PDB file of N, CA and C in Angstrom:
ATOM      1  N   MET A   1     158.120 132.150-109.760  1.00  0.00           N
ATOM      2  CA  MET A   1     158.393 131.276-111.274  1.00  0.00           C
ATOM      3  C   MET A   1     159.259 131.979-112.281  1.00  0.00           C
ATOM      4  N   ALA A   2     160.279 131.210-111.953  1.00  0.00           N
ATOM      5  CA  ALA A   2     161.689 132.142-112.971  1.00  0.00           C
ATOM      6  C   ALA A   2     161.301 131.379-114.321  1.00  0.00           C
ATOM      7  N   THR A   3     161.576 131.892-115.530  1.00  0.00           N
ATOM      8  CA  THR A   3     161.650 131.869-116.982  1.00  0.00           C
ATOM      9  C   THR A   3     162.867 131.314-117.402  1.00  0.00           C
ATOM     10  N   TYR A   4     162.839 130.204-118.272  1.00  0.00           N
ATOM     11  CA  TYR A   4     163.272 129.672-118.973  1.00  0.00           C
ATOM     12  C   TYR A   4     163.451 129.038-120.403  1.00  0.00           C
ATOM     13  N   ILE A   5     164.431 129.551-121.434  1.00  0.00           N
ATOM     14  CA  ILE A   5     164.548 129.253-122.421  1.00  0.00           C
ATOM     15  C   ILE A   5     165.286 127.387-122.691  1.00  0.00           C
ATOM     16  N   VAL A   6     164.617 126.650-123.446  1.00  0.00           N
ATOM     17  CA  VAL A   6     165.040 125.285-123.092  1.00  0.00           C
ATOM     18  C   VAL A   6     165.207 124.937-124.890  1.00  0.00           C
ATOM     19  N   LEU A   7     166.643 125.117-125.052  1.00  0.00           N
ATOM     20  CA  LEU A   7     166.733 124.685-126.764  1.00  0.00           C
ATOM     21  C   LEU A   7     167.390 123.494-126.798  1.00  0.00           C
ATOM     22  N   PHE A   8     166.687 122.578-127.694  1.00  0.00           N
ATOM     23  CA  PHE A   8     166.760 121.169-127.985  1.00  0.00           C
ATOM     24  C   PHE A   8     167.310 121.227-129.609  1.00  0.00           C
ATOM     25  N   GLY A   9     168.378 120.177-130.034  1.00  0.00           N
ATOM     26  CA  GLY A   9     169.338 119.544-130.965  1.00  0.00           C
ATOM     27  C   GLY A   9     168.376 117.966-131.285  1.00  0.00           C
ATOM     28  N   TYR A  10     168.366 117.836-132.822  1.00  0.00           N
ATOM     29  CA  TYR A  10     167.957 116.995-132.719  1.00  0.00           C
ATOM     30  C   TYR A  10     169.292 115.859-133.144  1.00  0.00           C
ATOM     31  N   THR A  11     169.754 114.998-132.381  1.00  0.00           N
ATOM     32  CA  THR A  11     170.278 113.820-132.293  1.00  0.00           C
ATOM     33  C   THR A  11     170.258 113.247-133.774  1.00  0.00           C
ATOM     34  N   GLU A  12     171.351 112.109-133.690  1.00  0.00           N
ATOM     35  CA  GLU A  12     171.102 111.297-134.780  1.00  0.00           C
ATOM     36  C   GLU A  12     169.710 110.385-134.953  1.00  0.00           C
ATOM     37  N   GLN A  13     169.452 110.219-133.667  1.00  0.00           N
ATOM     38  CA  GLN A  13     168.626 109.176-133.287  1.00  0.00           C
ATOM     39  C   GLN A  13     166.982 109.785-133.560  1.00  0.00           C
ATOM     40  N   GLY A  14     167.084 111.350-133.379  1.00  0.00           N
ATOM     41  CA  GLY A  14     165.797 111.866-133.478  1.00  0.00           C
ATOM     42  C   GLY A  14     165.638 112.409-134.952  1.00  0.00           C
ATOM     43  N   VAL A  15     167.203 112.835-135.618  1.00  0.00           N
ATOM     44  CA  VAL A  15     166.427 113.018-136.986  1.00  0.00           C
ATOM     45  C   VAL A  15     165.682 111.641-137.622  1.00  0.00           C
ATOM     46  N   SER A  16     166.338 110.421-137.437  1.00  0.00           N
ATOM     47  CA  SER A  16     166.181 109.260-138.029  1.00  0.00           C
ATOM     48  C   SER A  16     164.532 109.185-137.688  1.00  0.00           C
ATOM     49  N   ASN A  17     163.886 109.448-136.863  1.00  0.00           N
ATOM     50  CA  ASN A  17     162.526 109.110-135.953  1.00  0.00           C
ATOM     51  C   ASN A  17     161.965 110.991-136.111  1.00  0.00           C
ATOM     52  N   ILE A  18     161.911 111.185-137.058  1.00  0.00           N
ATOM     53  CA  ILE A  18     161.394 112.624-137.015  1.00  0.00           C
ATOM     54  C   ILE A  18     159.982 112.792-137.320  1.00  0.00           C
ATOM     55  N   LYS A  19     159.667 111.589-137.944  1.00  0.00           N
ATOM     56  CA  LYS A  19     157.646 111.934-138.215  1.00  0.00           C
ATOM     57  C   LYS A  19     157.542 111.263-136.514  1.00  0.00           C
ATOM     58  N   ASP A  20     157.877 111.125-135.902  1.00  0.00           N
ATOM     59  CA  ASP A  20     157.447 110.759-134.520  1.00  0.00           C
ATOM     60  C   ASP A  20     157.614 112.176-133.645  1.00  0.00           C
ATOM     61  N   SER A  21     158.022 112.876-134.215  1.00  0.00           N
ATOM     62  CA  SER A  21     158.688 114.089-133.198  1.00  0.00           C
ATOM     63  C   SER A  21     157.332 114.936-132.571  1.00  0.00           C
ATOM     64  N   PRO A  22     156.579 115.107-133.272  1.00  0.00           N
ATOM     65  CA  PRO A  22     155.056 116.010-132.875  1.00  0.00           C
ATOM     66  C   PRO A  22     154.747 115.182-131.653  1.00  0.00           C
ATOM     67  N   ALA A  23     154.927 113.923-131.602  1.00  0.00           N
ATOM     68  CA  ALA A  23     154.080 113.125-130.278  1.00  0.00           C
ATOM     69  C   ALA A  23     155.321 112.693-129.376  1.00  0.00           C
ATOM     70  N   ARG A  24     156.594 113.426-129.780  1.00  0.00           N
ATOM     71  CA  ARG A  24     157.649 113.378-128.635  1.00  0.00           C
ATOM     72  C   ARG A  24     157.470 114.362-127.857  1.00  0.00           C
ATOM     73  N   VAL A  25     157.003 115.526-128.382  1.00  0.00           N
ATOM     74  CA  VAL A  25     156.935 117.047-128.066  1.00  0.00           C
ATOM     75  C   VAL A  25     155.682 117.068-127.103  1.00  0.00           C
ATOM     76  N   GLU A  26     154.284 116.504-127.258  1.00  0.00           N
ATOM     77  CA  GLU A  26     153.668 116.105-126.239  1.00  0.00           C
ATOM     78  C   GLU A  26     154.149 115.078-125.162  1.00  0.00           C
ATOM     79  N   ALA A  27     155.210 114.368-125.214  1.00  0.00           N
ATOM     80  CA  ALA A  27     155.432 113.547-124.370  1.00  0.00           C
ATOM     81  C   ALA A  27     156.439 114.387-123.521  1.00  0.00           C
ATOM     82  N   ALA A  28     156.704 115.520-124.182  1.00  0.00           N
ATOM     83  CA  ALA A  28     158.267 116.095-123.436  1.00  0.00           C
ATOM     84  C   ALA A  28     157.286 117.436-122.780  1.00  0.00           C
ATOM     85  N   LYS A  29     156.238 117.834-123.440  1.00  0.00           N
ATOM     86  CA  LYS A  29     155.263 118.596-122.566  1.00  0.00           C
ATOM     87  C   LYS A  29     154.861 118.119-121.050  1.00  0.00           C
ATOM     88  N   GLN A  30     154.095 116.985-121.411  1.00  0.00           N
ATOM     89  CA  GLN A  30     153.720 115.864-120.359  1.00  0.00           C
ATOM     90  C   GLN A  30     154.625 115.800-119.154  1.00  0.00           C
ATOM     91  N   MET A  31     155.865 115.313-119.430  1.00  0.00           N
ATOM     92  CA  MET A  31     156.968 114.809-118.637  1.00  0.00           C
ATOM     93  C   MET A  31     157.354 116.122-118.196  1.00  0.00           C
ATOM     94  N   PHE A  32     157.428 117.270-118.470  1.00  0.00           N
ATOM     95  CA  PHE A  32     158.186 118.375-117.472  1.00  0.00           C
ATOM     96  C   PHE A  32     157.135 119.076-116.830  1.00  0.00           C
ATOM     97  N   ARG A  33     155.545 118.841-117.222  1.00  0.00           N
ATOM     98  CA  ARG A  33     154.443 119.124-116.263  1.00  0.00           C
ATOM     99  C   ARG A  33     154.604 117.842-114.737  1.00  0.00           C
ATOM    100  N   GLU A  34     155.026 117.355-115.119  1.00  0.00           N
ATOM    101  CA  GLU A  34     155.107 116.478-114.148  1.00  0.00           C
ATOM    102  C   GLU A  34     156.031 116.305-113.268  1.00  0.00           C
ATOM    103  N   MET A  35     156.885 117.059-113.725  1.00  0.00           N
ATOM    104  CA  MET A  35     158.144 117.292-112.871  1.00  0.00           C
ATOM    105  C   MET A  35     157.915 118.889-112.532  1.00  0.00           C
ATOM    106  N   ASP A  36     156.617 119.755-112.345  1.00  0.00           N
ATOM    107  CA  ASP A  36     156.666 120.523-111.898  1.00  0.00           C
ATOM    108  C   ASP A  36     157.241 121.833-112.820  1.00  0.00           C
ATOM    109  N   VAL A  37     157.530 121.915-114.129  1.00  0.00           N
ATOM    110  CA  VAL A  37     158.098 122.942-115.173  1.00  0.00           C
ATOM    111  C   VAL A  37     156.615 123.065-115.965  1.00  0.00           C
ATOM    112  N   GLU A  38     156.408 124.571-116.779  1.00  0.00           N
ATOM    113  CA  GLU A  38     155.253 124.380-116.961  1.00  0.00           C
ATOM    114  C   GLU A  38     155.403 125.234-118.223  1.00  0.00           C
ATOM    115  N   VAL A  39     155.294 124.319-119.597  1.00  0.00           N
ATOM    116  CA  VAL A  39     155.952 124.900-120.922  1.00  0.00           C
ATOM    117  C   VAL A  39     154.793 125.832-121.417  1.00  0.00           C
ATOM    118  N   LYS A  40     155.422 126.934-121.633  1.00  0.00           N
ATOM    119  CA  LYS A  40     154.514 127.895-121.928  1.00  0.00           C
ATOM    120  C   LYS A  40     153.958 128.393-123.620  1.00  0.00           C
ATOM    121  N   VAL A  41     155.088 127.636-124.308  1.00  0.00           N
ATOM    122  CA  VAL A  41     155.665 127.393-125.453  1.00  0.00           C
ATOM    123  C   VAL A  41     156.489 126.670-126.356  1.00  0.00           C
ATOM    124  N   PHE A  42     155.990 126.191-127.497  1.00  0.00           N
ATOM    125  CA  PHE A  42     156.966 125.334-128.258  1.00  0.00           C
ATOM    126  C   PHE A  42     157.041 126.140-129.501  1.00  0.00           C
ATOM    127  N   TYR A  43     158.766 125.967-130.141  1.00  0.00           N
ATOM    128  CA  TYR A  43     158.672 126.455-131.334  1.00  0.00           C
ATOM    129  C   TYR A  43     159.745 125.718-132.177  1.00  0.00           C
ATOM    130  N   LEU A  44     159.109 125.414-133.527  1.00  0.00           N
ATOM    131  CA  LEU A  44     160.538 124.680-134.181  1.00  0.00           C
ATOM    132  C   LEU A  44     161.398 126.218-134.635  1.00  0.00           C
ATOM    133  N   VAL A  45     162.618 126.337-135.000  1.00  0.00           N
ATOM    134  CA  VAL A  45     163.175 127.309-135.055  1.00  0.00           C
ATOM    135  C   VAL A  45     164.371 126.527-136.365  1.00  0.00           C
ATOM    136  N   MET A  46     164.530 128.184-136.679  1.00  0.00           N
ATOM    137  CA  MET A  46     165.315 128.261-137.877  1.00  0.00           C
ATOM    138  C   MET A  46     166.899 129.141-137.939  1.00  0.00           C
ATOM    139  N   GLY A  47     167.639 128.980-138.372  1.00  0.00           N
ATOM    140  CA  GLY A  47     168.769 129.881-138.371  1.00  0.00           C
ATOM    141  C   GLY A  47     169.636 129.483-137.318  1.00  0.00           C
ATOM    142  N   MET A  48     169.575 129.049-136.387  1.00  0.00           N
ATOM    143  CA  MET A  48     170.181 128.252-135.556  1.00  0.00           C
ATOM    144  C   MET A  48     171.117 127.145-135.231  1.00  0.00           C
ATOM    145  N   ASP A  49     172.308 127.240-135.499  1.00  0.00           N
ATOM    146  CA  ASP A  49     172.989 126.245-135.896  1.00  0.00           C
ATOM    147  C   ASP A  49     172.922 125.056-135.286  1.00  0.00           C
ATOM    148  N   ARG A  50     173.143 125.071-133.923  1.00  0.00           N
ATOM    149  CA  ARG A  50     173.098 123.468-133.400  1.00  0.00           C
ATOM    150  C   ARG A  50     171.493 122.840-132.823  1.00  0.00           C
ATOM    151  N   TYR A  51     170.371 124.063-132.400  1.00  0.00           N
ATOM    152  CA  TYR A  51     169.213 123.700-132.285  1.00  0.00           C
ATOM    153  C   TYR A  51     168.117 123.953-133.306  1.00  0.00           C
ATOM    154  N   ASP A  52     167.297 122.846-133.160  1.00  0.00           N
ATOM    155  CA  ASP A  52     165.989 122.817-134.228  1.00  0.00           C
ATOM    156  C   ASP A  52     164.758 123.033-133.387  1.00  0.00           C
ATOM    157  N   THR A  53     164.860 123.035-132.082  1.00  0.00           N
ATOM    158  CA  THR A  53     163.289 123.156-131.269  1.00  0.00           C
ATOM    159  C   THR A  53     163.458 124.115-130.221  1.00  0.00           C
ATOM    160  N   MET A  54     162.430 124.773-129.720  1.00  0.00           N
ATOM    161  CA  MET A  54     162.741 125.286-128.020  1.00  0.00           C
ATOM    162  C   MET A  54     161.060 125.236-127.430  1.00  0.00           C
ATOM    163  N   PHE A  55     161.714 124.791-126.150  1.00  0.00           N
ATOM    164  CA  PHE A  55     160.353 124.982-125.397  1.00  0.00           C
ATOM    165  C   PHE A  55     160.707 126.619-124.183  1.00  0.00           C
ATOM    166  N   ILE A  56     159.699 127.612-124.344  1.00  0.00           N
ATOM    167  CA  ILE A  56     160.136 128.860-122.854  1.00  0.00           C
ATOM    168  C   ILE A  56     158.893 127.899-122.193  1.00  0.00           C
ATOM    169  N   ALA A  57     159.296 127.709-120.792  1.00  0.00           N
ATOM    170  CA  ALA A  57     159.136 127.347-119.873  1.00  0.00           C
ATOM    171  C   ALA A  57     159.301 128.013-118.772  1.00  0.00           C
ATOM    172  N   GLU A  58     158.572 127.797-117.842  1.00  0.00           N
ATOM    173  CA  GLU A  58     158.325 128.462-115.980  1.00  0.00           C
ATOM    174  C   GLU A  58     158.962 126.857-115.301  1.00  0.00           C
ATOM    175  N   ALA A  59     159.562 127.661-114.223  1.00  0.00           N
ATOM    176  CA  ALA A  59     160.182 126.304-113.069  1.00  0.00           C
ATOM    177  C   ALA A  59     159.854 127.220-111.736  1.00  0.00           C
ATOM    178  N   PRO A  60     159.557 126.335-110.502  1.00  0.00           N
ATOM    179  CA  PRO A  60     159.931 126.928-109.475  1.00  0.00           C
ATOM    180  C   PRO A  60     161.709 127.227-109.052  1.00  0.00           C
ATOM    181  N   ASP A  61     162.462 126.777-109.755  1.00  0.00           N
ATOM    182  CA  ASP A  61     163.777 126.828-109.396  1.00  0.00           C
ATOM    183  C   ASP A  61     164.866 126.412-110.430  1.00  0.00           C
ATOM    184  N   ASP A  62     166.441 126.532-110.817  1.00  0.00           N
ATOM    185  CA  ASP A  62     166.863 126.127-111.563  1.00  0.00           C
ATOM    186  C   ASP A  62     166.889 124.505-111.336  1.00  0.00           C
ATOM    187  N   GLU A  63     167.088 124.008-110.094  1.00  0.00           N
ATOM    188  CA  GLU A  63     167.486 122.592-110.156  1.00  0.00           C
ATOM    189  C   GLU A  63     166.321 121.555-110.678  1.00  0.00           C
ATOM    190  N   THR A  64     164.979 122.379-110.481  1.00  0.00           N
ATOM    191  CA  THR A  64     164.043 121.645-111.252  1.00  0.00           C
ATOM    192  C   THR A  64     164.110 121.657-112.516  1.00  0.00           C
ATOM    193  N   VAL A  65     164.142 122.664-113.163  1.00  0.00           N
ATOM    194  CA  VAL A  65     164.457 122.573-114.756  1.00  0.00           C
ATOM    195  C   VAL A  65     165.575 121.849-115.321  1.00  0.00           C
ATOM    196  N   ALA A  66     166.550 121.946-114.439  1.00  0.00           N
ATOM    197  CA  ALA A  66     167.576 121.290-114.728  1.00  0.00           C
ATOM    198  C   ALA A  66     167.337 119.897-115.081  1.00  0.00           C
ATOM    199  N   ARG A  67     166.577 119.353-113.972  1.00  0.00           N
ATOM    200  CA  ARG A  67     166.126 117.499-113.484  1.00  0.00           C
ATOM    201  C   ARG A  67     165.314 117.446-114.907  1.00  0.00           C
ATOM    202  N   ALA A  68     164.758 118.373-115.520  1.00  0.00           N
ATOM    203  CA  ALA A  68     163.775 117.856-116.352  1.00  0.00           C
ATOM    204  C   ALA A  68     164.505 117.976-117.729  1.00  0.00           C
ATOM    205  N   SER A  69     164.987 119.243-118.151  1.00  0.00           N
ATOM    206  CA  SER A  69     165.935 118.822-119.124  1.00  0.00           C
ATOM    207  C   SER A  69     167.178 117.712-119.427  1.00  0.00           C
ATOM    208  N   LEU A  70     167.654 117.526-118.132  1.00  0.00           N
ATOM    209  CA  LEU A  70     168.892 116.066-118.466  1.00  0.00           C
ATOM    210  C   LEU A  70     167.570 115.130-118.543  1.00  0.00           C
ATOM    211  N   LYS A  71     166.553 115.204-117.652  1.00  0.00           N
ATOM    212  CA  LYS A  71     165.844 113.545-118.485  1.00  0.00           C
ATOM    213  C   LYS A  71     165.299 113.124-119.868  1.00  0.00           C
ATOM    214  N   ILE A  72     164.874 114.717-120.290  1.00  0.00           N
ATOM    215  CA  ILE A  72     164.598 114.665-121.631  1.00  0.00           C
ATOM    216  C   ILE A  72     165.959 114.248-122.458  1.00  0.00           C
ATOM    217  N   SER A  73     166.871 114.768-122.327  1.00  0.00           N
ATOM    218  CA  SER A  73     168.232 114.605-122.777  1.00  0.00           C
ATOM    219  C   SER A  73     168.698 112.740-122.961  1.00  0.00           C
ATOM    220  N   SER A  74     168.388 112.169-121.534  1.00  0.00           N
ATOM    221  CA  SER A  74     168.565 111.082-121.415  1.00  0.00           C
ATOM    222  C   SER A  74     167.620 109.958-122.210  1.00  0.00           C
ATOM    223  N   LEU A  75     166.949 110.199-122.827  1.00  0.00           N
ATOM    224  CA  LEU A  75     166.064 109.579-123.880  1.00  0.00           C
ATOM    225  C   LEU A  75     166.840 109.525-124.972  1.00  0.00           C
ATOM    226  N   GLY A  76     167.826 110.122-125.859  1.00  0.00           N
ATOM    227  CA  GLY A  76     168.199 110.043-126.829  1.00  0.00           C
ATOM    228  C   GLY A  76     168.287 110.610-128.069  1.00  0.00           C
ATOM    229  N   TYR A  77     166.783 111.554-127.861  1.00  0.00           N
ATOM    230  CA  TYR A  77     166.299 112.128-129.139  1.00  0.00           C
ATOM    231  C   TYR A  77     166.635 113.195-129.754  1.00  0.00           C
ATOM    232  N   VAL A  78     167.443 114.157-128.674  1.00  0.00           N
ATOM    233  CA  VAL A  78     167.412 115.324-128.485  1.00  0.00           C
ATOM    234  C   VAL A  78     168.906 116.091-127.360  1.00  0.00           C
ATOM    235  N   HIS A  79     169.561 116.604-127.330  1.00  0.00           N
ATOM    236  CA  HIS A  79     170.637 117.412-126.352  1.00  0.00           C
ATOM    237  C   HIS A  79     169.665 118.985-125.980  1.00  0.00           C
ATOM    238  N   THR A  80     170.239 119.188-125.094  1.00  0.00           N
ATOM    239  CA  THR A  80     169.502 120.190-124.617  1.00  0.00           C
ATOM    240  C   THR A  80     170.403 121.282-124.166  1.00  0.00           C
ATOM    241  N   ASP A  81     170.123 122.914-124.285  1.00  0.00           N
ATOM    242  CA  ASP A  81     171.065 123.843-123.719  1.00  0.00           C
ATOM    243  C   ASP A  81     169.463 124.701-123.128  1.00  0.00           C
ATOM    244  N   THR A  82     169.751 125.064-121.954  1.00  0.00           N
ATOM    245  CA  THR A  82     168.701 125.552-120.807  1.00  0.00           C
ATOM    246  C   THR A  82     169.776 126.531-120.381  1.00  0.00           C
ATOM    247  N   HIS A  83     168.607 127.793-120.457  1.00  0.00           N
ATOM    248  CA  HIS A  83     168.958 129.534-120.199  1.00  0.00           C
ATOM    249  C   HIS A  83     168.113 129.945-119.278  1.00  0.00           C
ATOM    250  N   ARG A  84     168.612 130.491-118.727  1.00  0.00           N
ATOM    251  CA  ARG A  84     167.186 131.500-117.454  1.00  0.00           C
ATOM    252  C   ARG A  84     167.253 132.693-118.065  1.00  0.00           C
ATOM    253  N   ALA A  85     166.272 133.246-118.409  1.00  0.00           N
ATOM    254  CA  ALA A  85     165.726 134.201-119.092  1.00  0.00           C
ATOM    255  C   ALA A  85     164.994 134.994-117.875  1.00  0.00           C
ATOM    256  N   PHE A  86     165.691 136.506-117.986  1.00  0.00           N
ATOM    257  CA  PHE A  86     164.893 137.191-117.027  1.00  0.00           C
ATOM    258  C   PHE A  86     163.872 138.406-117.743  1.00  0.00           C
ATOM    259  N   THR A  87     162.839 138.760-117.368  1.00  0.00           N
ATOM    260  CA  THR A  87     161.774 139.451-117.876  1.00  0.00           C
ATOM    261  C   THR A  87     162.027 140.846-117.312  1.00  0.00           C
ATOM    262  N   GLU A  88     161.846 141.733-118.233  1.00  0.00           N
ATOM    263  CA  GLU A  88     162.289 142.838-118.415  1.00  0.00           C
ATOM    264  C   GLU A  88     162.313 144.096-116.942  1.00  0.00           C
ATOM    265  N   GLU A  89     160.873 143.448-116.274  1.00  0.00           N
ATOM    266  CA  GLU A  89     161.115 143.875-114.718  1.00  0.00           C
ATOM    267  C   GLU A  89     162.317 143.512-114.068  1.00  0.00           C
ATOM    268  N   GLU A  90     162.282 142.271-114.078  1.00  0.00           N
ATOM    269  CA  GLU A  90     163.547 141.988-113.587  1.00  0.00           C
ATOM    270  C   GLU A  90     165.248 141.977-113.804  1.00  0.00           C
ATOM    271  N   PHE A  91     165.251 142.548-114.848  1.00  0.00           N
ATOM    272  CA  PHE A  91     166.385 143.506-115.842  1.00  0.00           C
ATOM    273  C   PHE A  91     166.292 144.581-115.225  1.00  0.00           C
ATOM    274  N   ARG A  92     165.329 145.105-114.464  1.00  0.00           N
ATOM    275  CA  ARG A  92     165.283 146.830-114.341  1.00  0.00           C
ATOM    276  C   ARG A  92     165.736 146.809-112.647  1.00  0.00           C
ATOM    277  N   ARG A  93     164.963 145.881-112.155  1.00  0.00           N
ATOM    278  CA  ARG A  93     165.279 145.418-110.935  1.00  0.00           C
ATOM    279  C   ARG A  93     167.036 145.347-110.674  1.00  0.00           C
ATOM    280  N   ILE A  94     167.458 144.458-111.397  1.00  0.00           N
ATOM    281  CA  ILE A  94     168.995 144.234-111.207  1.00  0.00           C
ATOM    282  C   ILE A  94     170.020 145.218-111.852  1.00  0.00           C
ATOM    283  N   VAL A  95     169.537 145.788-113.024  1.00  0.00           N
ATOM    284  CA  VAL A  95     170.578 146.976-113.166  1.00  0.00           C
ATOM    285  C   VAL A  95     170.371 148.051-112.173  1.00  0.00           C
ATOM    286  N   SER A  96     168.818 148.729-111.534  1.00  0.00           N
ATOM    287  CA  SER A  96     168.868 149.551-110.348  1.00  0.00           C
ATOM    288  C   SER A  96     170.152 149.436-109.397  1.00  0.00           C
ATOM    289  N   GLY A  97     170.265 147.957-109.149  1.00  0.00           N
ATOM    290  CA  GLY A  97     171.370 147.567-108.165  1.00  0.00           C
ATOM    291  C   GLY A  97     172.604 148.312-108.335  1.00  0.00           C
ATOM    292  N   LEU A  98     172.982 148.639-109.566  1.00  0.00           N
ATOM    293  CA  LEU A  98     174.591 148.622-109.708  1.00  0.00           C
ATOM    294  C   LEU A  98     174.831 150.213-109.233  1.00  0.00           C
TER     295      LEU A  98
END
């Protein structure tokens, strides 16, 4: 399974309904699970200009996590920015091939 960092930024709709956000986090985690993406951890983040929360997640491939991120974004409460994250072991293997 590959690891991904999924950053979320609240839209105007998301901020205006901020008190519902904890329930939306749980719904998002469930939606990701149903789409074969395992959310490992959720964080509220500070100091990131465009982002408010994030998931660290695992998925079998890029297409799966992209599908989940797009589905969450389509609900209108957040925009997403998804990045592939490599473990230290993966990093060492990549660099050893240089």
